[in-house]
Amino acid sequence: MLLPVANVSPMTQLSKPRRGRPVTTDPNAVGLTALKLFAEKGIDKVTVDDVAVAAEISRSNLFRIFPSKAAVVWGGMHEFNVELQRKLSESSEKDIVKLLHRSWVEAMHLLDESLETVRLRLKLIASSPEIYGWGHGQLEESRQVIEEAVAQVTSDPMRPRVISSALIAVSMSILMWWAETNDPRTPSEVLDAGFSDFEKVFG
């Protein structure tokens, strides 16, 4: 049975507050606040409530942005994978290793404007096997995107898996080194330099 609708004036309807996450909530700002807390106190010693208080948002709003502490650390990977897939599909490069090199570096440009955030993420990933393990699914998504691209240009059934796995391992090693040494270059710049050796091996 339908309940009767109250007689509410148009002005009252317009002034009724909306539910849900406030439009002022900035996921990047919330993420950086959480990362700084993790780096200062240790991931295990920081609670979700600690992050919500520091970011000045409610606990429920925090969970709408980041469902877990690990998700905060690995934030941005989905967007990177979408951009990587787009770069791979749009490129006219015929050499598969050069294609992977350029597409990965160009996709990494998404992160170049947030060096502090990226460096904090990588340092935290390197410091916690549990956090690194949580991100396996994110990296596996990247690897599958690469494997599909390689499979389109080779008849060797093993080569796509080998190259995609190697590229993931190489990129993580380069980025971890970049974070630990505080290298002044951007992530895309240091990856571009490091992938030159990758090309020599797999070209």
N, C-alpha and C. Protein backbone atom coordinates (compact mmCIF):
# COMPACT_ATOMS: atom_id res chain seq x y z
N MET A 1 0.84 -1.19 0.00
CA MET A 1 0.00 0.00 0.00
C MET A 1 0.88 1.24 0.00
N LEU A 2 0.55 2.21 -0.84
CA LEU A 2 1.30 3.45 -0.91
C LEU A 2 0.86 4.40 0.18
N LEU A 3 1.83 5.02 0.82
CA LEU A 3 1.52 6.02 1.83
C LEU A 3 1.22 7.35 1.17
N PRO A 4 0.37 8.17 1.75
CA PRO A 4 0.08 9.49 1.17
C PRO A 4 1.31 10.37 1.21
N VAL A 5 1.46 11.17 0.19
CA VAL A 5 2.59 12.09 0.10
C VAL A 5 2.25 13.37 0.81
N ALA A 6 3.15 13.81 1.68
CA ALA A 6 2.89 15.04 2.43
C ALA A 6 2.87 16.23 1.48
N ASN A 7 2.09 17.24 1.83
CA ASN A 7 1.99 18.44 1.03
C ASN A 7 3.18 19.36 1.35
N VAL A 8 4.23 19.24 0.57
CA VAL A 8 5.46 19.99 0.81
C VAL A 8 5.65 21.01 -0.30
N SER A 9 5.94 22.23 0.08
CA SER A 9 6.12 23.28 -0.91
C SER A 9 7.38 23.06 -1.71
N PRO A 10 7.47 23.57 -2.98
CA PRO A 10 8.67 23.43 -3.80
C PRO A 10 9.92 23.97 -3.12
N MET A 11 9.79 25.08 -2.39
CA MET A 11 10.96 25.66 -1.72
C MET A 11 11.49 24.73 -0.65
N THR A 12 10.56 24.04 0.06
CA THR A 12 10.97 23.10 1.10
C THR A 12 11.69 21.92 0.48
N GLN A 13 11.18 21.44 -0.67
CA GLN A 13 11.80 20.32 -1.35
C GLN A 13 13.21 20.67 -1.80
N LEU A 14 13.42 21.88 -2.29
CA LEU A 14 14.73 22.28 -2.77
C LEU A 14 15.74 22.41 -1.64
N SER A 15 15.25 22.80 -0.46
CA SER A 15 16.17 23.04 0.65
C SER A 15 16.49 21.78 1.43
N LYS A 16 15.82 20.67 1.13
CA LYS A 16 16.07 19.42 1.86
C LYS A 16 17.48 18.94 1.60
N PRO A 17 18.28 18.67 2.64
CA PRO A 17 19.67 18.25 2.44
C PRO A 17 19.76 16.91 1.74
N ARG A 18 20.74 16.77 0.89
CA ARG A 18 20.95 15.52 0.17
C ARG A 18 21.81 14.58 1.01
N ARG A 19 21.53 13.29 0.84
CA ARG A 19 22.31 12.29 1.54
C ARG A 19 23.47 11.83 0.67
N GLY A 20 24.42 11.15 1.31
CA GLY A 20 25.55 10.63 0.54
C GLY A 20 26.81 11.43 0.80
N ARG A 21 27.87 11.07 0.08
CA ARG A 21 29.17 11.69 0.28
C ARG A 21 29.14 13.16 -0.13
N PRO A 22 29.62 14.05 0.72
CA PRO A 22 29.64 15.48 0.36
C PRO A 22 30.51 15.71 -0.87
N VAL A 23 30.11 16.68 -1.69
CA VAL A 23 30.85 16.94 -2.91
C VAL A 23 32.24 17.50 -2.62
N THR A 24 32.44 17.99 -1.37
CA THR A 24 33.72 18.60 -1.03
C THR A 24 34.76 17.56 -0.65
N THR A 25 34.36 16.30 -0.49
CA THR A 25 35.30 15.26 -0.12
C THR A 25 36.25 14.99 -1.28
N ASP A 26 37.53 15.19 -1.06
CA ASP A 26 38.55 15.01 -2.10
C ASP A 26 39.28 13.70 -1.83
N PRO A 27 39.08 12.67 -2.66
CA PRO A 27 39.75 11.39 -2.43
C PRO A 27 41.28 11.50 -2.38
N ASN A 28 41.84 12.38 -3.21
CA ASN A 28 43.30 12.54 -3.22
C ASN A 28 43.80 13.11 -1.89
N ALA A 29 43.08 14.09 -1.37
CA ALA A 29 43.47 14.70 -0.10
C ALA A 29 43.31 13.71 1.05
N VAL A 30 42.21 12.97 1.03
CA VAL A 30 41.98 11.96 2.07
C VAL A 30 43.06 10.88 2.01
N GLY A 31 43.38 10.46 0.79
CA GLY A 31 44.41 9.43 0.63
C GLY A 31 45.76 9.88 1.13
N LEU A 32 46.14 11.11 0.82
CA LEU A 32 47.43 11.63 1.26
C LEU A 32 47.47 11.75 2.78
N THR A 33 46.38 12.18 3.38
CA THR A 33 46.31 12.26 4.84
C THR A 33 46.53 10.88 5.46
N ALA A 34 45.87 9.88 4.91
CA ALA A 34 46.02 8.51 5.43
C ALA A 34 47.44 8.00 5.24
N LEU A 35 48.01 8.24 4.08
CA LEU A 35 49.37 7.76 3.81
C LEU A 35 50.39 8.37 4.76
N LYS A 36 50.21 9.65 5.06
CA LYS A 36 51.13 10.32 5.99
C LYS A 36 51.00 9.71 7.39
N LEU A 37 49.79 9.39 7.79
CA LEU A 37 49.59 8.74 9.09
C LEU A 37 50.24 7.37 9.12
N PHE A 38 50.04 6.60 8.04
CA PHE A 38 50.63 5.27 7.97
C PHE A 38 52.16 5.35 8.06
N ALA A 39 52.74 6.31 7.33
CA ALA A 39 54.19 6.44 7.30
C ALA A 39 54.74 6.89 8.66
N GLU A 40 53.98 7.72 9.36
CA GLU A 40 54.44 8.26 10.64
C GLU A 40 54.30 7.26 11.78
N LYS A 41 53.16 6.54 11.81
CA LYS A 41 52.87 5.69 12.97
C LYS A 41 52.94 4.19 12.66
N GLY A 42 52.95 3.83 11.38
CA GLY A 42 52.89 2.42 11.01
C GLY A 42 51.47 2.03 10.65
N ILE A 43 51.30 1.29 9.57
CA ILE A 43 49.97 0.93 9.09
C ILE A 43 49.16 0.20 10.15
N ASP A 44 49.79 -0.75 10.83
CA ASP A 44 49.07 -1.56 11.81
C ASP A 44 48.59 -0.77 13.01
N LYS A 45 49.25 0.35 13.30
CA LYS A 45 48.90 1.13 14.49
C LYS A 45 47.89 2.25 14.20
N VAL A 46 47.54 2.42 12.94
CA VAL A 46 46.57 3.45 12.56
C VAL A 46 45.23 2.79 12.27
N THR A 47 44.18 3.27 12.91
CA THR A 47 42.84 2.71 12.69
C THR A 47 42.10 3.53 11.64
N VAL A 48 41.03 2.97 11.16
CA VAL A 48 40.18 3.69 10.20
C VAL A 48 39.63 4.96 10.84
N ASP A 49 39.29 4.87 12.12
CA ASP A 49 38.78 6.04 12.82
C ASP A 49 39.85 7.14 12.91
N ASP A 50 41.11 6.75 13.09
CA ASP A 50 42.20 7.72 13.12
C ASP A 50 42.26 8.50 11.81
N VAL A 51 42.12 7.77 10.70
CA VAL A 51 42.18 8.41 9.38
C VAL A 51 40.99 9.34 9.19
N ALA A 52 39.80 8.90 9.59
CA ALA A 52 38.60 9.72 9.44
C ALA A 52 38.72 11.03 10.22
N VAL A 53 39.25 10.94 11.44
CA VAL A 53 39.41 12.14 12.26
C VAL A 53 40.42 13.08 11.63
N ALA A 54 41.55 12.54 11.19
CA ALA A 54 42.60 13.37 10.60
C ALA A 54 42.13 14.02 9.30
N ALA A 55 41.32 13.30 8.52
CA ALA A 55 40.82 13.82 7.25
C ALA A 55 39.58 14.68 7.42
N GLU A 56 39.05 14.70 8.65
CA GLU A 56 37.86 15.50 8.97
C GLU A 56 36.65 15.07 8.15
N ILE A 57 36.46 13.77 8.05
CA ILE A 57 35.26 13.23 7.40
C ILE A 57 34.71 12.12 8.28
N SER A 58 33.50 11.70 7.99
CA SER A 58 32.90 10.64 8.78
C SER A 58 33.49 9.28 8.40
N ARG A 59 33.34 8.33 9.30
CA ARG A 59 33.83 6.97 9.05
C ARG A 59 33.15 6.36 7.82
N SER A 60 31.84 6.60 7.69
CA SER A 60 31.10 6.04 6.56
C SER A 60 31.57 6.64 5.24
N ASN A 61 31.85 7.95 5.24
CA ASN A 61 32.35 8.58 4.02
C ASN A 61 33.72 8.04 3.64
N LEU A 62 34.55 7.79 4.65
CA LEU A 62 35.87 7.23 4.38
C LEU A 62 35.75 5.87 3.69
N PHE A 63 34.84 5.04 4.18
CA PHE A 63 34.66 3.71 3.59
C PHE A 63 34.09 3.78 2.18
N ARG A 64 33.36 4.85 1.86
CA ARG A 64 32.86 5.00 0.50
C ARG A 64 34.01 5.26 -0.48
N ILE A 65 35.06 5.92 0.01
CA ILE A 65 36.20 6.24 -0.84
C ILE A 65 37.20 5.08 -0.87
N PHE A 66 37.54 4.59 0.32
CA PHE A 66 38.53 3.52 0.45
C PHE A 66 37.97 2.44 1.38
N PRO A 67 37.67 1.25 0.85
CA PRO A 67 37.07 0.20 1.68
C PRO A 67 38.03 -0.43 2.69
N SER A 68 39.34 -0.17 2.57
CA SER A 68 40.30 -0.73 3.51
C SER A 68 41.58 0.11 3.49
N LYS A 69 42.46 -0.14 4.47
CA LYS A 69 43.73 0.57 4.51
C LYS A 69 44.59 0.19 3.31
N ALA A 70 44.54 -1.06 2.92
CA ALA A 70 45.31 -1.50 1.75
C ALA A 70 44.84 -0.80 0.49
N ALA A 71 43.54 -0.56 0.41
CA ALA A 71 42.99 0.13 -0.77
C ALA A 71 43.50 1.56 -0.85
N VAL A 72 43.75 2.17 0.31
CA VAL A 72 44.33 3.52 0.31
C VAL A 72 45.72 3.48 -0.31
N VAL A 73 46.52 2.52 0.12
CA VAL A 73 47.90 2.43 -0.34
C VAL A 73 47.98 2.14 -1.84
N TRP A 74 47.09 1.30 -2.33
CA TRP A 74 47.11 0.91 -3.74
C TRP A 74 46.17 1.76 -4.59
N GLY A 75 45.70 2.87 -4.05
CA GLY A 75 44.77 3.71 -4.79
C GLY A 75 45.34 4.19 -6.12
N GLY A 76 44.49 4.27 -7.14
CA GLY A 76 44.92 4.76 -8.45
C GLY A 76 45.30 3.68 -9.44
N MET A 77 45.42 2.43 -8.98
CA MET A 77 45.86 1.38 -9.89
C MET A 77 44.82 1.07 -10.96
N HIS A 78 43.54 1.13 -10.61
CA HIS A 78 42.52 0.83 -11.62
C HIS A 78 42.56 1.85 -12.74
N GLU A 79 42.68 3.13 -12.37
CA GLU A 79 42.76 4.18 -13.39
C GLU A 79 43.99 3.99 -14.27
N PHE A 80 45.10 3.58 -13.64
CA PHE A 80 46.31 3.33 -14.42
C PHE A 80 46.08 2.19 -15.41
N ASN A 81 45.45 1.12 -14.98
CA ASN A 81 45.22 -0.02 -15.86
C ASN A 81 44.31 0.35 -17.04
N VAL A 82 43.32 1.18 -16.78
CA VAL A 82 42.43 1.65 -17.86
C VAL A 82 43.23 2.46 -18.87
N GLU A 83 44.09 3.35 -18.37
CA GLU A 83 44.90 4.18 -19.25
C GLU A 83 45.91 3.34 -20.02
N LEU A 84 46.51 2.34 -19.36
CA LEU A 84 47.45 1.45 -20.03
C LEU A 84 46.78 0.71 -21.18
N GLN A 85 45.61 0.19 -20.95
CA GLN A 85 44.88 -0.52 -22.00
C GLN A 85 44.57 0.41 -23.17
N ARG A 86 44.22 1.65 -22.86
CA ARG A 86 43.93 2.62 -23.92
C ARG A 86 45.17 2.93 -24.74
N LYS A 87 46.31 3.13 -24.08
CA LYS A 87 47.56 3.42 -24.78
C LYS A 87 47.97 2.26 -25.68
N LEU A 88 47.83 1.05 -25.19
CA LEU A 88 48.20 -0.13 -25.97
C LEU A 88 47.32 -0.27 -27.21
N SER A 89 46.03 0.00 -27.07
CA SER A 89 45.10 -0.18 -28.19
C SER A 89 45.22 0.93 -29.23
N GLU A 90 45.66 2.12 -28.81
CA GLU A 90 45.74 3.26 -29.74
C GLU A 90 47.07 3.36 -30.46
N SER A 91 48.10 2.71 -29.96
CA SER A 91 49.43 2.85 -30.55
C SER A 91 49.55 2.09 -31.88
N SER A 92 50.35 2.65 -32.78
CA SER A 92 50.61 1.99 -34.07
C SER A 92 51.98 1.31 -34.09
N GLU A 93 52.66 1.30 -32.94
CA GLU A 93 53.98 0.69 -32.83
C GLU A 93 53.89 -0.81 -33.11
N LYS A 94 54.77 -1.33 -33.98
CA LYS A 94 54.75 -2.73 -34.36
C LYS A 94 55.65 -3.60 -33.48
N ASP A 95 56.73 -3.01 -32.98
CA ASP A 95 57.64 -3.75 -32.11
C ASP A 95 56.98 -3.88 -30.73
N ILE A 96 56.69 -5.12 -30.32
CA ILE A 96 55.89 -5.33 -29.11
C ILE A 96 56.59 -4.81 -27.87
N VAL A 97 57.90 -4.97 -27.78
CA VAL A 97 58.61 -4.51 -26.57
C VAL A 97 58.63 -2.99 -26.50
N LYS A 98 58.84 -2.33 -27.64
CA LYS A 98 58.78 -0.86 -27.66
C LYS A 98 57.36 -0.38 -27.36
N LEU A 99 56.37 -1.13 -27.86
CA LEU A 99 54.96 -0.78 -27.58
C LEU A 99 54.69 -0.82 -26.09
N LEU A 100 55.15 -1.88 -25.42
CA LEU A 100 54.93 -2.00 -23.98
C LEU A 100 55.67 -0.91 -23.22
N HIS A 101 56.90 -0.66 -23.64
CA HIS A 101 57.72 0.37 -23.01
C HIS A 101 56.99 1.73 -23.07
N ARG A 102 56.62 2.15 -24.25
CA ARG A 102 56.03 3.47 -24.44
C ARG A 102 54.66 3.58 -23.79
N SER A 103 53.85 2.52 -23.94
CA SER A 103 52.49 2.57 -23.38
C SER A 103 52.52 2.64 -21.87
N TRP A 104 53.40 1.86 -21.26
CA TRP A 104 53.51 1.85 -19.80
C TRP A 104 53.98 3.22 -19.29
N VAL A 105 55.00 3.76 -19.93
CA VAL A 105 55.54 5.05 -19.51
C VAL A 105 54.51 6.15 -19.68
N GLU A 106 53.79 6.15 -20.80
CA GLU A 106 52.78 7.18 -21.04
C GLU A 106 51.63 7.07 -20.05
N ALA A 107 51.24 5.84 -19.70
CA ALA A 107 50.18 5.66 -18.70
C ALA A 107 50.64 6.14 -17.33
N MET A 108 51.92 5.97 -17.05
CA MET A 108 52.47 6.37 -15.76
C MET A 108 52.44 7.89 -15.57
N HIS A 109 52.30 8.64 -16.66
CA HIS A 109 52.22 10.10 -16.56
C HIS A 109 51.04 10.53 -15.68
N LEU A 110 50.04 9.66 -15.53
CA LEU A 110 48.91 9.97 -14.67
C LEU A 110 49.35 10.27 -13.24
N LEU A 111 50.46 9.65 -12.83
CA LEU A 111 50.93 9.77 -11.45
C LEU A 111 52.01 10.82 -11.26
N ASP A 112 52.46 11.42 -12.33
CA ASP A 112 53.60 12.33 -12.23
C ASP A 112 53.31 13.61 -11.44
N GLU A 113 52.04 13.98 -11.33
CA GLU A 113 51.70 15.23 -10.65
C GLU A 113 51.50 15.03 -9.14
N SER A 114 51.64 13.80 -8.66
CA SER A 114 51.45 13.53 -7.24
C SER A 114 52.63 12.72 -6.71
N LEU A 115 53.83 13.27 -6.87
CA LEU A 115 55.04 12.53 -6.52
C LEU A 115 55.08 12.15 -5.04
N GLU A 116 54.66 13.06 -4.17
CA GLU A 116 54.68 12.76 -2.73
C GLU A 116 53.79 11.56 -2.42
N THR A 117 52.61 11.55 -3.02
CA THR A 117 51.66 10.46 -2.79
C THR A 117 52.21 9.14 -3.32
N VAL A 118 52.73 9.16 -4.54
CA VAL A 118 53.26 7.94 -5.15
C VAL A 118 54.43 7.39 -4.35
N ARG A 119 55.31 8.27 -3.91
CA ARG A 119 56.48 7.82 -3.15
C ARG A 119 56.06 7.19 -1.81
N LEU A 120 55.09 7.82 -1.15
CA LEU A 120 54.59 7.26 0.10
C LEU A 120 53.94 5.90 -0.12
N ARG A 121 53.14 5.79 -1.17
CA ARG A 121 52.50 4.51 -1.48
C ARG A 121 53.54 3.41 -1.64
N LEU A 122 54.55 3.67 -2.45
CA LEU A 122 55.55 2.66 -2.76
C LEU A 122 56.37 2.27 -1.54
N LYS A 123 56.71 3.24 -0.71
CA LYS A 123 57.45 2.93 0.51
C LYS A 123 56.63 2.06 1.45
N LEU A 124 55.34 2.34 1.54
CA LEU A 124 54.47 1.54 2.39
C LEU A 124 54.28 0.14 1.84
N ILE A 125 54.16 0.03 0.53
CA ILE A 125 54.04 -1.29 -0.11
C ILE A 125 55.28 -2.13 0.16
N ALA A 126 56.44 -1.49 0.05
CA ALA A 126 57.70 -2.21 0.27
C ALA A 126 57.87 -2.61 1.73
N SER A 127 57.27 -1.87 2.64
CA SER A 127 57.47 -2.13 4.07
C SER A 127 56.53 -3.17 4.65
N SER A 128 55.49 -3.56 3.91
CA SER A 128 54.49 -4.47 4.45
C SER A 128 54.15 -5.59 3.47
N PRO A 129 54.58 -6.83 3.78
CA PRO A 129 54.23 -7.96 2.92
C PRO A 129 52.72 -8.13 2.77
N GLU A 130 51.99 -7.81 3.83
CA GLU A 130 50.53 -7.93 3.76
C GLU A 130 49.93 -6.95 2.77
N ILE A 131 50.41 -5.71 2.81
CA ILE A 131 49.92 -4.70 1.87
C ILE A 131 50.34 -5.04 0.45
N TYR A 132 51.58 -5.50 0.29
CA TYR A 132 52.05 -5.89 -1.04
C TYR A 132 51.19 -7.03 -1.57
N GLY A 133 50.88 -7.99 -0.70
CA GLY A 133 50.07 -9.13 -1.13
C GLY A 133 48.67 -8.73 -1.54
N TRP A 134 48.10 -7.74 -0.85
CA TRP A 134 46.75 -7.27 -1.20
C TRP A 134 46.73 -6.72 -2.61
N GLY A 135 47.84 -6.09 -3.01
CA GLY A 135 47.90 -5.48 -4.34
C GLY A 135 48.15 -6.45 -5.47
N HIS A 136 48.28 -7.74 -5.14
CA HIS A 136 48.54 -8.72 -6.20
C HIS A 136 47.45 -8.70 -7.26
N GLY A 137 46.21 -8.54 -6.81
CA GLY A 137 45.11 -8.49 -7.77
C GLY A 137 45.19 -7.29 -8.69
N GLN A 138 45.67 -6.16 -8.17
CA GLN A 138 45.84 -4.96 -8.98
C GLN A 138 46.92 -5.17 -10.03
N LEU A 139 48.03 -5.77 -9.60
CA LEU A 139 49.12 -6.03 -10.54
C LEU A 139 48.74 -7.11 -11.56
N GLU A 140 47.95 -8.07 -11.11
CA GLU A 140 47.51 -9.11 -12.03
C GLU A 140 46.62 -8.54 -13.13
N GLU A 141 45.83 -7.54 -12.79
CA GLU A 141 45.02 -6.87 -13.80
C GLU A 141 45.91 -6.20 -14.85
N SER A 142 46.99 -5.57 -14.38
CA SER A 142 47.95 -4.95 -15.31
C SER A 142 48.61 -6.01 -16.18
N ARG A 143 48.99 -7.11 -15.55
CA ARG A 143 49.68 -8.17 -16.30
C ARG A 143 48.79 -8.75 -17.39
N GLN A 144 47.51 -8.92 -17.09
CA GLN A 144 46.59 -9.46 -18.08
C GLN A 144 46.39 -8.51 -19.26
N VAL A 145 46.37 -7.21 -18.97
CA VAL A 145 46.26 -6.22 -20.05
C VAL A 145 47.47 -6.35 -20.99
N ILE A 146 48.65 -6.50 -20.41
CA ILE A 146 49.87 -6.64 -21.21
C ILE A 146 49.87 -7.96 -21.97
N GLU A 147 49.49 -9.03 -21.29
CA GLU A 147 49.50 -10.36 -21.92
C GLU A 147 48.59 -10.39 -23.14
N GLU A 148 47.44 -9.77 -23.03
CA GLU A 148 46.51 -9.74 -24.16
C GLU A 148 47.10 -8.98 -25.34
N ALA A 149 47.84 -7.91 -25.07
CA ALA A 149 48.46 -7.13 -26.14
C ALA A 149 49.55 -7.94 -26.83
N VAL A 150 50.35 -8.65 -26.05
CA VAL A 150 51.44 -9.45 -26.62
C VAL A 150 50.87 -10.62 -27.41
N ALA A 151 49.80 -11.23 -26.92
CA ALA A 151 49.21 -12.39 -27.58
C ALA A 151 48.71 -12.07 -28.99
N GLN A 152 48.43 -10.81 -29.26
CA GLN A 152 47.91 -10.43 -30.57
C GLN A 152 48.99 -10.39 -31.65
N VAL A 153 50.26 -10.39 -31.23
CA VAL A 153 51.33 -10.24 -32.21
C VAL A 153 52.33 -11.40 -32.19
N THR A 154 52.01 -12.48 -31.47
CA THR A 154 52.92 -13.62 -31.45
C THR A 154 52.11 -14.91 -31.45
N SER A 155 52.68 -15.93 -32.06
CA SER A 155 52.03 -17.24 -32.08
C SER A 155 52.58 -18.14 -30.98
N ASP A 156 53.60 -17.69 -30.29
CA ASP A 156 54.20 -18.44 -29.20
C ASP A 156 53.29 -18.35 -27.98
N PRO A 157 52.71 -19.45 -27.50
CA PRO A 157 51.75 -19.38 -26.40
C PRO A 157 52.38 -18.99 -25.06
N MET A 158 53.70 -19.17 -24.93
CA MET A 158 54.35 -18.87 -23.66
C MET A 158 54.84 -17.43 -23.58
N ARG A 159 55.18 -16.84 -24.72
CA ARG A 159 55.80 -15.53 -24.74
C ARG A 159 54.95 -14.44 -24.07
N PRO A 160 53.63 -14.37 -24.29
CA PRO A 160 52.83 -13.33 -23.64
C PRO A 160 52.92 -13.38 -22.12
N ARG A 161 52.90 -14.59 -21.55
CA ARG A 161 52.97 -14.72 -20.09
C ARG A 161 54.35 -14.30 -19.57
N VAL A 162 55.41 -14.71 -20.28
CA VAL A 162 56.76 -14.40 -19.84
C VAL A 162 57.01 -12.89 -19.88
N ILE A 163 56.66 -12.27 -21.00
CA ILE A 163 56.93 -10.83 -21.15
C ILE A 163 56.08 -10.01 -20.19
N SER A 164 54.81 -10.35 -20.04
CA SER A 164 53.94 -9.57 -19.15
C SER A 164 54.40 -9.70 -17.69
N SER A 165 54.77 -10.89 -17.29
CA SER A 165 55.25 -11.09 -15.92
C SER A 165 56.57 -10.36 -15.69
N ALA A 166 57.44 -10.40 -16.68
CA ALA A 166 58.74 -9.72 -16.56
C ALA A 166 58.56 -8.21 -16.47
N LEU A 167 57.64 -7.66 -17.26
CA LEU A 167 57.44 -6.21 -17.26
C LEU A 167 56.91 -5.74 -15.90
N ILE A 168 55.99 -6.51 -15.31
CA ILE A 168 55.47 -6.16 -14.00
C ILE A 168 56.59 -6.16 -12.96
N ALA A 169 57.41 -7.23 -12.98
CA ALA A 169 58.51 -7.34 -12.01
C ALA A 169 59.51 -6.21 -12.18
N VAL A 170 59.86 -5.91 -13.43
CA VAL A 170 60.82 -4.84 -13.70
C VAL A 170 60.28 -3.49 -13.26
N SER A 171 59.03 -3.20 -13.58
CA SER A 171 58.46 -1.90 -13.24
C SER A 171 58.38 -1.71 -11.73
N MET A 172 57.99 -2.75 -10.99
CA MET A 172 57.92 -2.63 -9.53
C MET A 172 59.30 -2.44 -8.93
N SER A 173 60.29 -3.14 -9.47
CA SER A 173 61.67 -2.98 -8.98
C SER A 173 62.16 -1.55 -9.20
N ILE A 174 61.91 -1.03 -10.39
CA ILE A 174 62.34 0.34 -10.71
C ILE A 174 61.65 1.35 -9.80
N LEU A 175 60.34 1.21 -9.62
CA LEU A 175 59.59 2.16 -8.82
C LEU A 175 59.95 2.08 -7.34
N MET A 176 60.20 0.87 -6.84
CA MET A 176 60.63 0.72 -5.45
C MET A 176 61.98 1.41 -5.24
N TRP A 177 62.87 1.21 -6.20
CA TRP A 177 64.19 1.86 -6.12
C TRP A 177 64.02 3.37 -6.12
N TRP A 178 63.14 3.86 -6.99
CA TRP A 178 62.90 5.31 -7.09
C TRP A 178 62.39 5.86 -5.76
N ALA A 179 61.47 5.15 -5.13
CA ALA A 179 60.89 5.62 -3.87
C ALA A 179 61.93 5.60 -2.74
N GLU A 180 62.72 4.54 -2.68
CA GLU A 180 63.68 4.38 -1.59
C GLU A 180 64.86 5.35 -1.69
N THR A 181 65.24 5.72 -2.91
CA THR A 181 66.40 6.59 -3.10
C THR A 181 66.04 8.06 -3.22
N ASN A 182 64.72 8.37 -3.23
CA ASN A 182 64.26 9.75 -3.40
C ASN A 182 64.82 10.38 -4.67
N ASP A 183 64.91 9.58 -5.73
CA ASP A 183 65.37 10.08 -7.02
C ASP A 183 64.48 11.25 -7.45
N PRO A 184 65.07 12.34 -7.94
CA PRO A 184 64.28 13.54 -8.26
C PRO A 184 63.42 13.43 -9.51
N ARG A 185 63.65 12.42 -10.34
CA ARG A 185 62.87 12.29 -11.56
C ARG A 185 61.43 11.85 -11.26
N THR A 186 60.56 12.02 -12.25
CA THR A 186 59.19 11.54 -12.10
C THR A 186 59.16 10.03 -12.30
N PRO A 187 58.09 9.36 -11.86
CA PRO A 187 57.98 7.91 -12.08
C PRO A 187 58.11 7.53 -13.55
N SER A 188 57.48 8.30 -14.44
CA SER A 188 57.55 7.96 -15.87
C SER A 188 58.96 8.14 -16.42
N GLU A 189 59.68 9.14 -15.92
CA GLU A 189 61.05 9.36 -16.39
C GLU A 189 61.98 8.23 -15.97
N VAL A 190 61.86 7.81 -14.72
CA VAL A 190 62.75 6.75 -14.25
C VAL A 190 62.38 5.40 -14.87
N LEU A 191 61.10 5.19 -15.15
CA LEU A 191 60.69 3.97 -15.83
C LEU A 191 61.19 3.96 -17.27
N ASP A 192 61.14 5.11 -17.92
CA ASP A 192 61.62 5.22 -19.29
C ASP A 192 63.09 4.83 -19.37
N ALA A 193 63.88 5.29 -18.40
CA ALA A 193 65.30 4.97 -18.38
C ALA A 193 65.51 3.49 -18.07
N GLY A 194 64.79 2.97 -17.10
CA GLY A 194 64.97 1.58 -16.70
C GLY A 194 64.51 0.59 -17.75
N PHE A 195 63.48 0.94 -18.50
CA PHE A 195 62.96 0.03 -19.52
C PHE A 195 63.88 -0.11 -20.72
N SER A 196 64.86 0.75 -20.84
CA SER A 196 65.83 0.62 -21.93
C SER A 196 66.56 -0.71 -21.83
N ASP A 197 66.91 -1.11 -20.61
CA ASP A 197 67.55 -2.41 -20.41
C ASP A 197 66.58 -3.54 -20.70
N PHE A 198 65.32 -3.33 -20.35
CA PHE A 198 64.28 -4.34 -20.62
C PHE A 198 64.18 -4.60 -22.12
N GLU A 199 64.26 -3.53 -22.91
CA GLU A 199 64.19 -3.66 -24.37
C GLU A 199 65.36 -4.48 -24.91
N LYS A 200 66.55 -4.27 -24.35
CA LYS A 200 67.73 -4.99 -24.81
C LYS A 200 67.60 -6.49 -24.57
N VAL A 201 66.97 -6.84 -23.45
CA VAL A 201 66.83 -8.26 -23.09
C VAL A 201 65.74 -8.95 -23.92
N PHE A 202 64.61 -8.29 -24.07
CA PHE A 202 63.45 -8.93 -24.71
C PHE A 202 63.21 -8.47 -26.15
N GLY A 203 63.99 -7.54 -26.65
CA GLY A 203 63.75 -7.03 -28.00
C GLY A 203 63.99 -8.09 -29.06
